[in-house]
Amino acid sequence: MSTGTPTATPLSLQAKAQLFQQLLPGWVAAGGDPQRIVPLAEQLDGFLTAGDLPQAEATLDAILAILTEPTRTPTETPTATLSPTAPPTPTPPIPAAVSLGTIPTTAQIVYHFDGFIYVMDLDGSNATQITFQNPRNWEHAAVSYDHRRIVANEHGSEDSCLWLF
């Protein structure tokens, strides 16, 4: 009869599960992509349901390794790594807070001028500036039917970014 081993695994597993619950919200808020861990979480659930605690713990270790990877800041450039088994996973951009104007309920046209986004009524009146910070090279913009959101794409020298305001 072994001493301590059967009870050590569930306690270790429980502690790791609590750590997972603590780390997940901050990891997502820092730009972590939940789709990276969904397959592992599904495997974890299957192992726990089957009572396979060693496999569950190994899977939880893999999830924790992802959640504790260093996250990049908005100014850092991700470095590419090559793997013979899988292509590199792109790092999603971190959402940026910007100051915005309010879209008038009568606005029906959205346009960009001198790097900023504006809206106006159908007859060209009531022009209202919506974006104020960091002029950008906007290519297209549209206002939602309920006047609550604007979507625009910024055309860069090498890529294009989609913004939702």
C-alpha atoms as a PDB file:
ATOM      1  CA  MET A   1       0.000   0.000   0.000  1.00  0.00           C
ATOM      2  CA  SER A   2       1.512   3.337  -1.030  1.00  0.00           C
ATOM      3  CA  THR A   3       1.464   6.219   1.397  1.00  0.00           C
ATOM      4  CA  GLY A   4       0.404   9.687   0.325  1.00  0.00           C
ATOM      5  CA  THR A   5       0.481   9.240  -3.450  1.00  0.00           C
ATOM      6  CA  PRO A   6      -3.259   8.666  -4.097  1.00  0.00           C
ATOM      7  CA  THR A   7      -4.273  11.718  -2.091  1.00  0.00           C
ATOM      8  CA  ALA A   8      -1.441  13.943  -3.384  1.00  0.00           C
ATOM      9  CA  THR A   9      -2.630  13.836  -7.000  1.00  0.00           C
ATOM     10  CA  PRO A  10      -6.199  15.058  -6.329  1.00  0.00           C
ATOM     11  CA  LEU A  11      -4.914  17.848  -4.068  1.00  0.00           C
ATOM     12  CA  SER A  12      -2.360  18.872  -6.677  1.00  0.00           C
ATOM     13  CA  LEU A  13      -5.028  18.714  -9.340  1.00  0.00           C
ATOM     14  CA  GLN A  14      -7.401  20.790  -7.221  1.00  0.00           C
ATOM     15  CA  ALA A  15      -4.742  23.454  -6.606  1.00  0.00           C
ATOM     16  CA  LYS A  16      -3.951  23.593 -10.324  1.00  0.00           C
ATOM     17  CA  ALA A  17      -7.651  23.878 -11.170  1.00  0.00           C
ATOM     18  CA  GLN A  18      -7.948  26.833  -8.788  1.00  0.00           C
ATOM     19  CA  LEU A  19      -4.882  28.444 -10.355  1.00  0.00           C
ATOM     20  CA  PHE A  20      -6.459  27.943 -13.787  1.00  0.00           C
ATOM     21  CA  GLN A  21      -9.625  29.740 -12.617  1.00  0.00           C
ATOM     22  CA  GLN A  22      -7.556  32.612 -11.218  1.00  0.00           C
ATOM     23  CA  LEU A  23      -5.322  33.068 -14.270  1.00  0.00           C
ATOM     24  CA  LEU A  24      -7.888  32.741 -17.063  1.00  0.00           C
ATOM     25  CA  PRO A  25      -9.666  36.138 -16.756  1.00  0.00           C
ATOM     26  CA  GLY A  26      -6.392  38.097 -16.643  1.00  0.00           C
ATOM     27  CA  TRP A  27      -4.948  36.102 -19.528  1.00  0.00           C
ATOM     28  CA  VAL A  28      -8.009  36.830 -21.705  1.00  0.00           C
ATOM     29  CA  ALA A  29      -7.962  40.514 -20.679  1.00  0.00           C
ATOM     30  CA  ALA A  30      -4.290  40.704 -21.715  1.00  0.00           C
ATOM     31  CA  GLY A  31      -5.192  39.482 -25.202  1.00  0.00           C
ATOM     32  CA  GLY A  32      -5.062  35.703 -24.746  1.00  0.00           C
ATOM     33  CA  ASP A  33      -7.144  33.803 -27.302  1.00  0.00           C
ATOM     34  CA  PRO A  34      -9.568  31.429 -25.530  1.00  0.00           C
ATOM     35  CA  GLN A  35      -9.659  29.257 -28.668  1.00  0.00           C
ATOM     36  CA  ARG A  36      -6.076  28.207 -27.884  1.00  0.00           C
ATOM     37  CA  ILE A  37      -7.223  26.378 -24.752  1.00  0.00           C
ATOM     38  CA  VAL A  38     -10.709  25.187 -25.764  1.00  0.00           C
ATOM     39  CA  PRO A  39      -9.468  21.835 -27.175  1.00  0.00           C
ATOM     40  CA  LEU A  40      -7.380  21.217 -24.058  1.00  0.00           C
ATOM     41  CA  ALA A  41     -10.275  22.184 -21.777  1.00  0.00           C
ATOM     42  CA  GLU A  42     -12.503  19.695 -23.619  1.00  0.00           C
ATOM     43  CA  GLN A  43      -9.856  16.985 -23.156  1.00  0.00           C
ATOM     44  CA  LEU A  44      -9.575  17.913 -19.480  1.00  0.00           C
ATOM     45  CA  ASP A  45     -13.320  17.550 -19.042  1.00  0.00           C
ATOM     46  CA  GLY A  46     -13.227  14.107 -20.676  1.00  0.00           C
ATOM     47  CA  PHE A  47     -10.362  12.928 -18.447  1.00  0.00           C
ATOM     48  CA  LEU A  48     -12.106  14.204 -15.312  1.00  0.00           C
ATOM     49  CA  THR A  49     -15.377  12.547 -16.325  1.00  0.00           C
ATOM     50  CA  ALA A  50     -13.540   9.266 -16.930  1.00  0.00           C
ATOM     51  CA  GLY A  51     -11.690   9.594 -13.606  1.00  0.00           C
ATOM     52  CA  ASP A  52      -8.287   9.575 -15.357  1.00  0.00           C
ATOM     53  CA  LEU A  53      -6.593  11.964 -12.911  1.00  0.00           C
ATOM     54  CA  PRO A  54      -3.011  11.607 -14.228  1.00  0.00           C
ATOM     55  CA  GLN A  55      -4.117  12.562 -17.761  1.00  0.00           C
ATOM     56  CA  ALA A  56      -6.328  15.335 -16.372  1.00  0.00           C
ATOM     57  CA  GLU A  57      -3.380  16.759 -14.456  1.00  0.00           C
ATOM     58  CA  ALA A  58      -1.093  16.567 -17.504  1.00  0.00           C
ATOM     59  CA  THR A  59      -3.707  18.367 -19.593  1.00  0.00           C
ATOM     60  CA  LEU A  60      -4.175  20.990 -16.891  1.00  0.00           C
ATOM     61  CA  ASP A  61      -0.391  21.470 -16.843  1.00  0.00           C
ATOM     62  CA  ALA A  62      -0.500  22.140 -20.604  1.00  0.00           C
ATOM     63  CA  ILE A  63      -3.275  24.712 -20.116  1.00  0.00           C
ATOM     64  CA  LEU A  64      -1.372  26.424 -17.300  1.00  0.00           C
ATOM     65  CA  ALA A  65       1.735  26.573 -19.502  1.00  0.00           C
ATOM     66  CA  ILE A  66      -0.279  28.549 -22.057  1.00  0.00           C
ATOM     67  CA  LEU A  67      -1.831  30.824 -19.428  1.00  0.00           C
ATOM     68  CA  THR A  68       1.548  31.643 -17.901  1.00  0.00           C
ATOM     69  CA  GLU A  69       3.356  32.404 -21.170  1.00  0.00           C
ATOM     70  CA  PRO A  70       4.699  35.952 -21.167  1.00  0.00           C
ATOM     71  CA  THR A  71       2.150  38.258 -22.785  1.00  0.00           C
ATOM     72  CA  ARG A  72       3.295  40.989 -25.104  1.00  0.00           C
ATOM     73  CA  THR A  73       2.511  44.638 -24.617  1.00  0.00           C
ATOM     74  CA  PRO A  74       0.929  46.683 -27.443  1.00  0.00           C
ATOM     75  CA  THR A  75       4.338  48.114 -28.396  1.00  0.00           C
ATOM     76  CA  GLU A  76       6.160  44.784 -28.615  1.00  0.00           C
ATOM     77  CA  THR A  77       6.578  43.008 -31.916  1.00  0.00           C
ATOM     78  CA  PRO A  78       5.843  39.299 -31.715  1.00  0.00           C
ATOM     79  CA  THR A  79       8.741  37.066 -32.678  1.00  0.00           C
ATOM     80  CA  ALA A  80       8.128  34.196 -35.038  1.00  0.00           C
ATOM     81  CA  THR A  81       9.121  30.696 -34.064  1.00  0.00           C
ATOM     82  CA  LEU A  82       9.250  27.790 -36.445  1.00  0.00           C
ATOM     83  CA  SER A  83       7.949  24.393 -35.494  1.00  0.00           C
ATOM     84  CA  PRO A  84       8.117  21.295 -37.675  1.00  0.00           C
ATOM     85  CA  THR A  85       4.718  20.139 -36.405  1.00  0.00           C
ATOM     86  CA  ALA A  86       2.602  23.303 -36.366  1.00  0.00           C
ATOM     87  CA  PRO A  87       2.646  26.796 -37.861  1.00  0.00           C
ATOM     88  CA  PRO A  88       3.134  29.712 -35.447  1.00  0.00           C
ATOM     89  CA  THR A  89      -0.057  30.937 -33.805  1.00  0.00           C
ATOM     90  CA  PRO A  90      -0.679  34.631 -34.538  1.00  0.00           C
ATOM     91  CA  THR A  91      -0.930  36.809 -31.457  1.00  0.00           C
ATOM     92  CA  PRO A  92      -4.182  38.809 -31.426  1.00  0.00           C
ATOM     93  CA  PRO A  93      -3.851  42.568 -31.020  1.00  0.00           C
ATOM     94  CA  ILE A  94      -4.574  44.048 -27.636  1.00  0.00           C
ATOM     95  CA  PRO A  95      -7.682  46.292 -27.688  1.00  0.00           C
ATOM     96  CA  ALA A  96      -6.890  49.986 -27.382  1.00  0.00           C
ATOM     97  CA  ALA A  97      -9.007  52.558 -25.552  1.00  0.00           C
ATOM     98  CA  VAL A  98      -9.782  55.672 -27.600  1.00  0.00           C
ATOM     99  CA  SER A  99     -11.811  58.831 -27.003  1.00  0.00           C
ATOM    100  CA  LEU A 100     -14.953  58.905 -29.127  1.00  0.00           C
ATOM    101  CA  GLY A 101     -17.766  61.323 -29.837  1.00  0.00           C
ATOM    102  CA  THR A 102     -21.417  60.313 -29.654  1.00  0.00           C
ATOM    103  CA  ILE A 103     -23.123  59.276 -32.875  1.00  0.00           C
ATOM    104  CA  PRO A 104     -26.247  61.428 -33.338  1.00  0.00           C
ATOM    105  CA  THR A 105     -29.407  59.383 -33.873  1.00  0.00           C
ATOM    106  CA  THR A 106     -30.022  61.236 -37.145  1.00  0.00           C
ATOM    107  CA  ALA A 107     -26.621  60.285 -38.623  1.00  0.00           C
ATOM    108  CA  GLN A 108     -26.890  58.253 -41.801  1.00  0.00           C
ATOM    109  CA  ILE A 109     -23.548  58.857 -43.464  1.00  0.00           C
ATOM    110  CA  VAL A 110     -20.128  58.035 -42.060  1.00  0.00           C
ATOM    111  CA  TYR A 111     -16.934  59.254 -43.705  1.00  0.00           C
ATOM    112  CA  HIS A 112     -13.278  59.893 -42.979  1.00  0.00           C
ATOM    113  CA  PHE A 113     -11.373  63.124 -43.513  1.00  0.00           C
ATOM    114  CA  ASP A 114      -7.798  64.058 -42.581  1.00  0.00           C
ATOM    115  CA  GLY A 115      -7.372  60.844 -40.597  1.00  0.00           C
ATOM    116  CA  PHE A 116     -10.529  61.174 -38.484  1.00  0.00           C
ATOM    117  CA  ILE A 117     -14.015  59.661 -38.741  1.00  0.00           C
ATOM    118  CA  TYR A 118     -17.133  61.831 -38.984  1.00  0.00           C
ATOM    119  CA  VAL A 119     -20.862  61.239 -39.360  1.00  0.00           C
ATOM    120  CA  MET A 120     -23.577  63.472 -40.813  1.00  0.00           C
ATOM    121  CA  ASP A 121     -27.249  63.491 -41.667  1.00  0.00           C
ATOM    122  CA  LEU A 122     -28.417  62.321 -45.089  1.00  0.00           C
ATOM    123  CA  ASP A 123     -28.712  65.948 -46.324  1.00  0.00           C
ATOM    124  CA  GLY A 124     -25.094  66.720 -45.304  1.00  0.00           C
ATOM    125  CA  SER A 125     -25.996  68.661 -42.166  1.00  0.00           C
ATOM    126  CA  ASN A 126     -25.054  67.964 -38.549  1.00  0.00           C
ATOM    127  CA  ALA A 127     -21.471  66.842 -39.298  1.00  0.00           C
ATOM    128  CA  THR A 128     -20.029  65.360 -36.107  1.00  0.00           C
ATOM    129  CA  GLN A 129     -16.452  64.261 -35.482  1.00  0.00           C
ATOM    130  CA  ILE A 130     -16.319  60.795 -33.898  1.00  0.00           C
ATOM    131  CA  THR A 131     -12.592  60.009 -33.528  1.00  0.00           C
ATOM    132  CA  PHE A 132     -10.107  62.461 -32.061  1.00  0.00           C
ATOM    133  CA  GLN A 133      -6.813  60.722 -31.273  1.00  0.00           C
ATOM    134  CA  ASN A 134      -4.022  59.646 -33.593  1.00  0.00           C
ATOM    135  CA  PRO A 135      -5.174  60.361 -37.161  1.00  0.00           C
ATOM    136  CA  ARG A 136      -5.180  57.153 -39.171  1.00  0.00           C
ATOM    137  CA  ASN A 137      -5.256  56.143 -42.822  1.00  0.00           C
ATOM    138  CA  TRP A 138      -8.906  55.039 -42.971  1.00  0.00           C
ATOM    139  CA  GLU A 139     -10.043  53.216 -46.089  1.00  0.00           C
ATOM    140  CA  HIS A 140     -13.725  52.412 -45.459  1.00  0.00           C
ATOM    141  CA  ALA A 141     -16.195  53.197 -42.669  1.00  0.00           C
ATOM    142  CA  ALA A 142     -19.834  52.339 -41.924  1.00  0.00           C
ATOM    143  CA  VAL A 143     -22.347  53.156 -39.173  1.00  0.00           C
ATOM    144  CA  SER A 144     -24.643  50.463 -37.756  1.00  0.00           C
ATOM    145  CA  TYR A 145     -28.381  50.653 -38.362  1.00  0.00           C
ATOM    146  CA  ASP A 146     -28.985  51.444 -34.675  1.00  0.00           C
ATOM    147  CA  HIS A 147     -26.370  54.254 -34.680  1.00  0.00           C
ATOM    148  CA  ARG A 148     -24.503  52.665 -31.758  1.00  0.00           C
ATOM    149  CA  ARG A 149     -21.401  51.429 -33.591  1.00  0.00           C
ATOM    150  CA  ILE A 150     -19.028  52.353 -36.357  1.00  0.00           C
ATOM    151  CA  VAL A 151     -16.742  49.938 -38.130  1.00  0.00           C
ATOM    152  CA  ALA A 152     -13.778  51.156 -40.157  1.00  0.00           C
ATOM    153  CA  ASN A 153     -10.674  49.654 -41.625  1.00  0.00           C
ATOM    154  CA  GLU A 154      -7.305  51.291 -41.309  1.00  0.00           C
ATOM    155  CA  HIS A 155      -4.993  50.682 -44.233  1.00  0.00           C
ATOM    156  CA  GLY A 156      -1.359  50.426 -43.204  1.00  0.00           C
ATOM    157  CA  SER A 157       1.777  50.158 -45.262  1.00  0.00           C
ATOM    158  CA  GLU A 158       1.883  46.369 -44.850  1.00  0.00           C
ATOM    159  CA  ASP A 159      -1.458  45.328 -43.416  1.00  0.00           C
ATOM    160  CA  SER A 160      -4.987  46.423 -42.682  1.00  0.00           C
ATOM    161  CA  CYS A 161      -6.720  46.651 -39.280  1.00  0.00           C
ATOM    162  CA  LEU A 162     -10.428  46.532 -38.593  1.00  0.00           C
ATOM    163  CA  TRP A 163     -11.715  48.886 -35.882  1.00  0.00           C
ATOM    164  CA  LEU A 164     -15.084  48.672 -34.136  1.00  0.00           C
ATOM    165  CA  PHE A 165     -16.182  51.772 -32.227  1.00  0.00           C
END
